[in-house]
Amino acid sequence: MRYGFTADIAPDLQEEIDTEWTWADYPMPWCTREEIRQVSADAQRIHNNIATGRLTIHAHANDSHTTVAVGTYAQGVRRA
């Protein structure tokens, strides 16, 4: 209720939200729902850092199973 509004999630919508994290073709089926969320959050953080110019990717390679990259952060890495 940050701005005086409340929101309720209908049970059907909550079910869809929960299944979103476990879709059938997920490339790492051994991951738990929480691990999928963490991988997704990490990927989003990397994307944001690239998009804002904080992270520069210098080279990448793909062997058809895994993609690896070499990059540098503009001002070093800060961890929370």
PDB file of N, CA and C in Angstrom:
ATOM      1  N   MET A   1       0.815  -1.177   0.000  1.00  0.00           N
ATOM      2  CA  MET A   1       0.000   0.000   0.000  1.00  0.00           C
ATOM      3  C   MET A   1       0.864   1.248   0.000  1.00  0.00           C
ATOM      4  N   ARG A   2       1.856   1.266  -0.782  1.00  0.00           N
ATOM      5  CA  ARG A   2       2.814   2.364  -0.827  1.00  0.00           C
ATOM      6  C   ARG A   2       2.168   3.706  -1.160  1.00  0.00           C
ATOM      7  N   TYR A   3       1.244   3.725  -2.096  1.00  0.00           N
ATOM      8  CA  TYR A   3       0.600   4.969  -2.517  1.00  0.00           C
ATOM      9  C   TYR A   3      -0.885   4.983  -2.154  1.00  0.00           C
ATOM     10  N   GLY A   4      -1.287   4.157  -1.233  1.00  0.00           N
ATOM     11  CA  GLY A   4      -2.677   4.110  -0.838  1.00  0.00           C
ATOM     12  C   GLY A   4      -3.532   3.174  -1.672  1.00  0.00           C
ATOM     13  N   PHE A   5      -2.912   2.399  -2.546  1.00  0.00           N
ATOM     14  CA  PHE A   5      -3.632   1.447  -3.382  1.00  0.00           C
ATOM     15  C   PHE A   5      -3.343   0.040  -2.890  1.00  0.00           C
ATOM     16  N   THR A   6      -4.322  -0.809  -3.007  1.00  0.00           N
ATOM     17  CA  THR A   6      -4.093  -2.223  -2.732  1.00  0.00           C
ATOM     18  C   THR A   6      -4.382  -3.006  -4.003  1.00  0.00           C
ATOM     19  N   ALA A   7      -3.728  -4.106  -4.143  1.00  0.00           N
ATOM     20  CA  ALA A   7      -3.932  -4.962  -5.320  1.00  0.00           C
ATOM     21  C   ALA A   7      -4.078  -6.398  -4.844  1.00  0.00           C
ATOM     22  N   ASP A   8      -5.022  -7.071  -5.432  1.00  0.00           N
ATOM     23  CA  ASP A   8      -5.223  -8.486  -5.157  1.00  0.00           C
ATOM     24  C   ASP A   8      -4.940  -9.262  -6.430  1.00  0.00           C
ATOM     25  N   ILE A   9      -4.363 -10.439  -6.274  1.00  0.00           N
ATOM     26  CA  ILE A   9      -4.087 -11.306  -7.415  1.00  0.00           C
ATOM     27  C   ILE A   9      -5.103 -12.442  -7.382  1.00  0.00           C
ATOM     28  N   ALA A  10      -5.864 -12.564  -8.458  1.00  0.00           N
ATOM     29  CA  ALA A  10      -6.847 -13.639  -8.560  1.00  0.00           C
ATOM     30  C   ALA A  10      -6.124 -14.984  -8.558  1.00  0.00           C
ATOM     31  N   PRO A  11      -6.725 -16.009  -7.990  1.00  0.00           N
ATOM     32  CA  PRO A  11      -6.077 -17.321  -7.926  1.00  0.00           C
ATOM     33  C   PRO A  11      -5.615 -17.841  -9.288  1.00  0.00           C
ATOM     34  N   ASP A  12      -6.413 -17.638 -10.348  1.00  0.00           N
ATOM     35  CA  ASP A  12      -6.018 -18.100 -11.687  1.00  0.00           C
ATOM     36  C   ASP A  12      -4.764 -17.382 -12.165  1.00  0.00           C
ATOM     37  N   LEU A  13      -4.690 -16.080 -11.900  1.00  0.00           N
ATOM     38  CA  LEU A  13      -3.503 -15.317 -12.292  1.00  0.00           C
ATOM     39  C   LEU A  13      -2.291 -15.762 -11.488  1.00  0.00           C
ATOM     40  N   GLN A  14      -2.460 -16.015 -10.196  1.00  0.00           N
ATOM     41  CA  GLN A  14      -1.347 -16.476  -9.372  1.00  0.00           C
ATOM     42  C   GLN A  14      -0.804 -17.800  -9.893  1.00  0.00           C
ATOM     43  N   GLU A  15      -1.711 -18.678 -10.329  1.00  0.00           N
ATOM     44  CA  GLU A  15      -1.275 -19.956 -10.893  1.00  0.00           C
ATOM     45  C   GLU A  15      -0.431 -19.733 -12.148  1.00  0.00           C
ATOM     46  N   GLU A  16      -0.846 -18.807 -13.005  1.00  0.00           N
ATOM     47  CA  GLU A  16      -0.073 -18.484 -14.211  1.00  0.00           C
ATOM     48  C   GLU A  16       1.282 -17.885 -13.855  1.00  0.00           C
ATOM     49  N   ILE A  17       1.304 -17.022 -12.857  1.00  0.00           N
ATOM     50  CA  ILE A  17       2.571 -16.430 -12.418  1.00  0.00           C
ATOM     51  C   ILE A  17       3.511 -17.531 -11.938  1.00  0.00           C
ATOM     52  N   ASP A  18       2.986 -18.462 -11.159  1.00  0.00           N
ATOM     53  CA  ASP A  18       3.823 -19.545 -10.629  1.00  0.00           C
ATOM     54  C   ASP A  18       4.335 -20.461 -11.734  1.00  0.00           C
ATOM     55  N   THR A  19       3.514 -20.746 -12.753  1.00  0.00           N
ATOM     56  CA  THR A  19       3.956 -21.640 -13.817  1.00  0.00           C
ATOM     57  C   THR A  19       4.882 -20.944 -14.794  1.00  0.00           C
ATOM     58  N   GLU A  20       4.859 -19.607 -14.823  1.00  0.00           N
ATOM     59  CA  GLU A  20       5.753 -18.877 -15.717  1.00  0.00           C
ATOM     60  C   GLU A  20       7.203 -19.280 -15.498  1.00  0.00           C
ATOM     61  N   TRP A  21       7.563 -19.571 -14.284  1.00  0.00           N
ATOM     62  CA  TRP A  21       8.953 -19.867 -13.940  1.00  0.00           C
ATOM     63  C   TRP A  21       9.332 -21.311 -14.197  1.00  0.00           C
ATOM     64  N   THR A  22       8.407 -22.111 -14.690  1.00  0.00           N
ATOM     65  CA  THR A  22       8.711 -23.527 -14.915  1.00  0.00           C
ATOM     66  C   THR A  22       8.233 -23.987 -16.283  1.00  0.00           C
ATOM     67  N   TRP A  23       8.405 -23.152 -17.301  1.00  0.00           N
ATOM     68  CA  TRP A  23       7.925 -23.538 -18.625  1.00  0.00           C
ATOM     69  C   TRP A  23       8.685 -24.752 -19.154  1.00  0.00           C
ATOM     70  N   ALA A  24       8.027 -25.467 -20.062  1.00  0.00           N
ATOM     71  CA  ALA A  24       8.504 -26.787 -20.490  1.00  0.00           C
ATOM     72  C   ALA A  24       9.856 -26.758 -21.178  1.00  0.00           C
ATOM     73  N   ASP A  25      10.166 -25.753 -21.958  1.00  0.00           N
ATOM     74  CA  ASP A  25      11.408 -25.739 -22.718  1.00  0.00           C
ATOM     75  C   ASP A  25      12.536 -24.977 -22.015  1.00  0.00           C
ATOM     76  N   TYR A  26      12.424 -24.781 -20.711  1.00  0.00           N
ATOM     77  CA  TYR A  26      13.468 -24.053 -19.995  1.00  0.00           C
ATOM     78  C   TYR A  26      14.784 -24.798 -20.171  1.00  0.00           C
ATOM     79  N   PRO A  27      15.879 -24.100 -20.502  1.00  0.00           N
ATOM     80  CA  PRO A  27      17.128 -24.788 -20.836  1.00  0.00           C
ATOM     81  C   PRO A  27      17.823 -25.454 -19.650  1.00  0.00           C
ATOM     82  N   MET A  28      17.346 -25.230 -18.440  1.00  0.00           N
ATOM     83  CA  MET A  28      17.967 -25.860 -17.272  1.00  0.00           C
ATOM     84  C   MET A  28      16.880 -26.514 -16.419  1.00  0.00           C
ATOM     85  N   PRO A  29      16.315 -27.631 -16.884  1.00  0.00           N
ATOM     86  CA  PRO A  29      15.180 -28.238 -16.189  1.00  0.00           C
ATOM     87  C   PRO A  29      15.507 -28.749 -14.790  1.00  0.00           C
ATOM     88  N   TRP A  30      16.763 -28.855 -14.435  1.00  0.00           N
ATOM     89  CA  TRP A  30      17.149 -29.333 -13.113  1.00  0.00           C
ATOM     90  C   TRP A  30      17.025 -28.235 -12.056  1.00  0.00           C
ATOM     91  N   CYS A  31      16.801 -26.993 -12.468  1.00  0.00           N
ATOM     92  CA  CYS A  31      16.711 -25.883 -11.521  1.00  0.00           C
ATOM     93  C   CYS A  31      15.359 -25.860 -10.812  1.00  0.00           C
ATOM     94  N   THR A  32      15.398 -25.466  -9.557  1.00  0.00           N
ATOM     95  CA  THR A  32      14.160 -25.235  -8.820  1.00  0.00           C
ATOM     96  C   THR A  32      13.570 -23.897  -9.261  1.00  0.00           C
ATOM     97  N   ARG A  33      12.344 -23.614  -8.860  1.00  0.00           N
ATOM     98  CA  ARG A  33      11.718 -22.342  -9.201  1.00  0.00           C
ATOM     99  C   ARG A  33      12.555 -21.169  -8.690  1.00  0.00           C
ATOM    100  N   GLU A  34      13.060 -21.280  -7.474  1.00  0.00           N
ATOM    101  CA  GLU A  34      13.886 -20.203  -6.910  1.00  0.00           C
ATOM    102  C   GLU A  34      15.188 -20.040  -7.694  1.00  0.00           C
ATOM    103  N   GLU A  35      15.798 -21.139  -8.115  1.00  0.00           N
ATOM    104  CA  GLU A  35      17.024 -21.056  -8.922  1.00  0.00           C
ATOM    105  C   GLU A  35      16.747 -20.431 -10.288  1.00  0.00           C
ATOM    106  N   ILE A  36      15.599 -20.756 -10.877  1.00  0.00           N
ATOM    107  CA  ILE A  36      15.225 -20.137 -12.153  1.00  0.00           C
ATOM    108  C   ILE A  36      15.083 -18.636 -11.972  1.00  0.00           C
ATOM    109  N   ARG A  37      14.432 -18.223 -10.902  1.00  0.00           N
ATOM    110  CA  ARG A  37      14.279 -16.788 -10.627  1.00  0.00           C
ATOM    111  C   ARG A  37      15.634 -16.123 -10.439  1.00  0.00           C
ATOM    112  N   GLN A  38      16.560 -16.788  -9.755  1.00  0.00           N
ATOM    113  CA  GLN A  38      17.886 -16.202  -9.531  1.00  0.00           C
ATOM    114  C   GLN A  38      18.655 -16.070 -10.847  1.00  0.00           C
ATOM    115  N   VAL A  39      18.603 -17.114 -11.679  1.00  0.00           N
ATOM    116  CA  VAL A  39      19.269 -17.057 -12.987  1.00  0.00           C
ATOM    117  C   VAL A  39      18.676 -15.917 -13.817  1.00  0.00           C
ATOM    118  N   SER A  40      17.349 -15.803 -13.804  1.00  0.00           N
ATOM    119  CA  SER A  40      16.687 -14.741 -14.557  1.00  0.00           C
ATOM    120  C   SER A  40      17.075 -13.360 -14.030  1.00  0.00           C
ATOM    121  N   ALA A  41      17.132 -13.220 -12.710  1.00  0.00           N
ATOM    122  CA  ALA A  41      17.524 -11.934 -12.112  1.00  0.00           C
ATOM    123  C   ALA A  41      18.971 -11.590 -12.460  1.00  0.00           C
ATOM    124  N   ASP A  42      19.856 -12.580 -12.414  1.00  0.00           N
ATOM    125  CA  ASP A  42      21.260 -12.351 -12.770  1.00  0.00           C
ATOM    126  C   ASP A  42      21.383 -11.931 -14.235  1.00  0.00           C
ATOM    127  N   ALA A  43      20.634 -12.615 -15.111  1.00  0.00           N
ATOM    128  CA  ALA A  43      20.669 -12.276 -16.537  1.00  0.00           C
ATOM    129  C   ALA A  43      20.148 -10.856 -16.766  1.00  0.00           C
ATOM    130  N   GLN A  44      19.087 -10.479 -16.054  1.00  0.00           N
ATOM    131  CA  GLN A  44      18.548  -9.134 -16.206  1.00  0.00           C
ATOM    132  C   GLN A  44      19.548  -8.089 -15.736  1.00  0.00           C
ATOM    133  N   ARG A  45      20.236  -8.370 -14.640  1.00  0.00           N
ATOM    134  CA  ARG A  45      21.248  -7.448 -14.099  1.00  0.00           C
ATOM    135  C   ARG A  45      22.394  -7.260 -15.102  1.00  0.00           C
ATOM    136  N   ILE A  46      22.843  -8.347 -15.712  1.00  0.00           N
ATOM    137  CA  ILE A  46      23.899  -8.254 -16.717  1.00  0.00           C
ATOM    138  C   ILE A  46      23.407  -7.447 -17.916  1.00  0.00           C
ATOM    139  N   HIS A  47      22.202  -7.726 -18.378  1.00  0.00           N
ATOM    140  CA  HIS A  47      21.622  -6.980 -19.497  1.00  0.00           C
ATOM    141  C   HIS A  47      21.568  -5.492 -19.183  1.00  0.00           C
ATOM    142  N   ASN A  48      21.079  -5.146 -17.994  1.00  0.00           N
ATOM    143  CA  ASN A  48      20.988  -3.737 -17.605  1.00  0.00           C
ATOM    144  C   ASN A  48      22.365  -3.081 -17.570  1.00  0.00           C
ATOM    145  N   ASN A  49      23.354  -3.799 -17.070  1.00  0.00           N
ATOM    146  CA  ASN A  49      24.713  -3.247 -17.012  1.00  0.00           C
ATOM    147  C   ASN A  49      25.286  -3.018 -18.403  1.00  0.00           C
ATOM    148  N   ILE A  50      24.984  -3.904 -19.341  1.00  0.00           N
ATOM    149  CA  ILE A  50      25.428  -3.703 -20.722  1.00  0.00           C
ATOM    150  C   ILE A  50      24.680  -2.529 -21.340  1.00  0.00           C
ATOM    151  N   ALA A  51      23.366  -2.481 -21.146  1.00  0.00           N
ATOM    152  CA  ALA A  51      22.535  -1.439 -21.755  1.00  0.00           C
ATOM    153  C   ALA A  51      22.908  -0.040 -21.272  1.00  0.00           C
ATOM    154  N   THR A  52      23.344   0.075 -20.030  1.00  0.00           N
ATOM    155  CA  THR A  52      23.694   1.387 -19.477  1.00  0.00           C
ATOM    156  C   THR A  52      25.167   1.738 -19.683  1.00  0.00           C
ATOM    157  N   GLY A  53      25.928   0.840 -20.296  1.00  0.00           N
ATOM    158  CA  GLY A  53      27.338   1.114 -20.546  1.00  0.00           C
ATOM    159  C   GLY A  53      28.244   0.822 -19.370  1.00  0.00           C
ATOM    160  N   ARG A  54      27.694   0.250 -18.313  1.00  0.00           N
ATOM    161  CA  ARG A  54      28.505  -0.085 -17.134  1.00  0.00           C
ATOM    162  C   ARG A  54      29.374  -1.313 -17.394  1.00  0.00           C
ATOM    163  N   LEU A  55      28.884  -2.222 -18.239  1.00  0.00           N
ATOM    164  CA  LEU A  55      29.617  -3.450 -18.566  1.00  0.00           C
ATOM    165  C   LEU A  55      29.850  -3.488 -20.065  1.00  0.00           C
ATOM    166  N   THR A  56      31.102  -3.686 -20.451  1.00  0.00           N
ATOM    167  CA  THR A  56      31.458  -3.806 -21.862  1.00  0.00           C
ATOM    168  C   THR A  56      31.909  -5.237 -22.131  1.00  0.00           C
ATOM    169  N   ILE A  57      31.263  -5.882 -23.100  1.00  0.00           N
ATOM    170  CA  ILE A  57      31.650  -7.237 -23.496  1.00  0.00           C
ATOM    171  C   ILE A  57      32.667  -7.114 -24.622  1.00  0.00           C
ATOM    172  N   HIS A  58      33.822  -7.742 -24.451  1.00  0.00           N
ATOM    173  CA  HIS A  58      34.909  -7.641 -25.423  1.00  0.00           C
ATOM    174  C   HIS A  58      34.917  -8.796 -26.418  1.00  0.00           C
ATOM    175  N   ALA A  59      34.517  -9.974 -25.969  1.00  0.00           N
ATOM    176  CA  ALA A  59      34.508 -11.144 -26.841  1.00  0.00           C
ATOM    177  C   ALA A  59      33.560 -12.181 -26.254  1.00  0.00           C
ATOM    178  N   HIS A  60      32.994 -12.994 -27.121  1.00  0.00           N
ATOM    179  CA  HIS A  60      32.186 -14.102 -26.643  1.00  0.00           C
ATOM    180  C   HIS A  60      32.351 -15.279 -27.597  1.00  0.00           C
ATOM    181  N   ALA A  61      32.041 -16.460 -27.079  1.00  0.00           N
ATOM    182  CA  ALA A  61      32.148 -17.678 -27.879  1.00  0.00           C
ATOM    183  C   ALA A  61      30.995 -18.599 -27.505  1.00  0.00           C
ATOM    184  N   ASN A  62      30.559 -19.393 -28.477  1.00  0.00           N
ATOM    185  CA  ASN A  62      29.472 -20.333 -28.261  1.00  0.00           C
ATOM    186  C   ASN A  62      29.880 -21.670 -28.868  1.00  0.00           C
ATOM    187  N   ASP A  63      29.800 -22.726 -28.054  1.00  0.00           N
ATOM    188  CA  ASP A  63      30.147 -24.056 -28.572  1.00  0.00           C
ATOM    189  C   ASP A  63      28.897 -24.892 -28.841  1.00  0.00           C
ATOM    190  N   SER A  64      27.760 -24.246 -29.023  1.00  0.00           N
ATOM    191  CA  SER A  64      26.435 -24.820 -29.260  1.00  0.00           C
ATOM    192  C   SER A  64      25.786 -25.372 -27.992  1.00  0.00           C
ATOM    193  N   HIS A  65      26.501 -25.351 -26.880  1.00  0.00           N
ATOM    194  CA  HIS A  65      25.922 -25.751 -25.594  1.00  0.00           C
ATOM    195  C   HIS A  65      26.013 -24.624 -24.572  1.00  0.00           C
ATOM    196  N   THR A  66      27.080 -23.863 -24.653  1.00  0.00           N
ATOM    197  CA  THR A  66      27.351 -22.827 -23.666  1.00  0.00           C
ATOM    198  C   THR A  66      27.906 -21.593 -24.351  1.00  0.00           C
ATOM    199  N   THR A  67      27.495 -20.434 -23.855  1.00  0.00           N
ATOM    200  CA  THR A  67      28.078 -19.185 -24.332  1.00  0.00           C
ATOM    201  C   THR A  67      28.877 -18.580 -23.187  1.00  0.00           C
ATOM    202  N   VAL A  68      30.090 -18.194 -23.476  1.00  0.00           N
ATOM    203  CA  VAL A  68      30.939 -17.528 -22.486  1.00  0.00           C
ATOM    204  C   VAL A  68      31.325 -16.164 -23.033  1.00  0.00           C
ATOM    205  N   ALA A  69      31.616 -15.242 -22.135  1.00  0.00           N
ATOM    206  CA  ALA A  69      31.976 -13.893 -22.572  1.00  0.00           C
ATOM    207  C   ALA A  69      33.066 -13.333 -21.675  1.00  0.00           C
ATOM    208  N   VAL A  70      33.817 -12.389 -22.233  1.00  0.00           N
ATOM    209  CA  VAL A  70      34.840 -11.660 -21.486  1.00  0.00           C
ATOM    210  C   VAL A  70      34.432 -10.200 -21.522  1.00  0.00           C
ATOM    211  N   GLY A  71      34.367  -9.578 -20.351  1.00  0.00           N
ATOM    212  CA  GLY A  71      33.969  -8.185 -20.294  1.00  0.00           C
ATOM    213  C   GLY A  71      34.587  -7.484 -19.103  1.00  0.00           C
ATOM    214  N   THR A  72      34.440  -6.174 -19.094  1.00  0.00           N
ATOM    215  CA  THR A  72      34.929  -5.378 -17.968  1.00  0.00           C
ATOM    216  C   THR A  72      33.854  -4.390 -17.545  1.00  0.00           C
ATOM    217  N   TYR A  73      33.832  -4.112 -16.257  1.00  0.00           N
ATOM    218  CA  TYR A  73      32.960  -3.094 -15.710  1.00  0.00           C
ATOM    219  C   TYR A  73      33.687  -1.768 -15.728  1.00  0.00           C
ATOM    220  N   ALA A  74      32.960  -0.697 -16.025  1.00  0.00           N
ATOM    221  CA  ALA A  74      33.550   0.628 -16.159  1.00  0.00           C
ATOM    222  C   ALA A  74      34.222   1.096 -14.871  1.00  0.00           C
ATOM    223  N   GLN A  75      33.613   0.808 -13.722  1.00  0.00           N
ATOM    224  CA  GLN A  75      34.169   1.282 -12.459  1.00  0.00           C
ATOM    225  C   GLN A  75      34.299   0.166 -11.442  1.00  0.00           C
ATOM    226  N   GLY A  76      34.582  -1.007 -11.892  1.00  0.00           N
ATOM    227  CA  GLY A  76      34.710  -2.128 -10.981  1.00  0.00           C
ATOM    228  C   GLY A  76      33.354  -2.679 -10.594  1.00  0.00           C
ATOM    229  N   VAL A  77      33.360  -3.815  -9.958  1.00  0.00           N
ATOM    230  CA  VAL A  77      32.130  -4.480  -9.557  1.00  0.00           C
ATOM    231  C   VAL A  77      31.839  -4.150  -8.106  1.00  0.00           C
ATOM    232  N   ARG A  78      30.629  -3.716  -7.845  1.00  0.00           N
ATOM    233  CA  ARG A  78      30.185  -3.480  -6.460  1.00  0.00           C
ATOM    234  C   ARG A  78      29.203  -4.557  -6.092  1.00  0.00           C
ATOM    235  N   ARG A  79      29.422  -5.216  -5.025  1.00  0.00           N
ATOM    236  CA  ARG A  79      28.520  -6.267  -4.554  1.00  0.00           C
ATOM    237  C   ARG A  79      27.772  -5.774  -3.322  1.00  0.00           C
ATOM    238  N   ALA A  80      26.505  -6.138  -3.264  1.00  0.00           N
ATOM    239  CA  ALA A  80      25.675  -5.733  -2.119  1.00  0.00           C
ATOM    240  C   ALA A  80      25.876  -6.690  -0.973  1.00  0.00           C
TER     241      ALA A  80
END
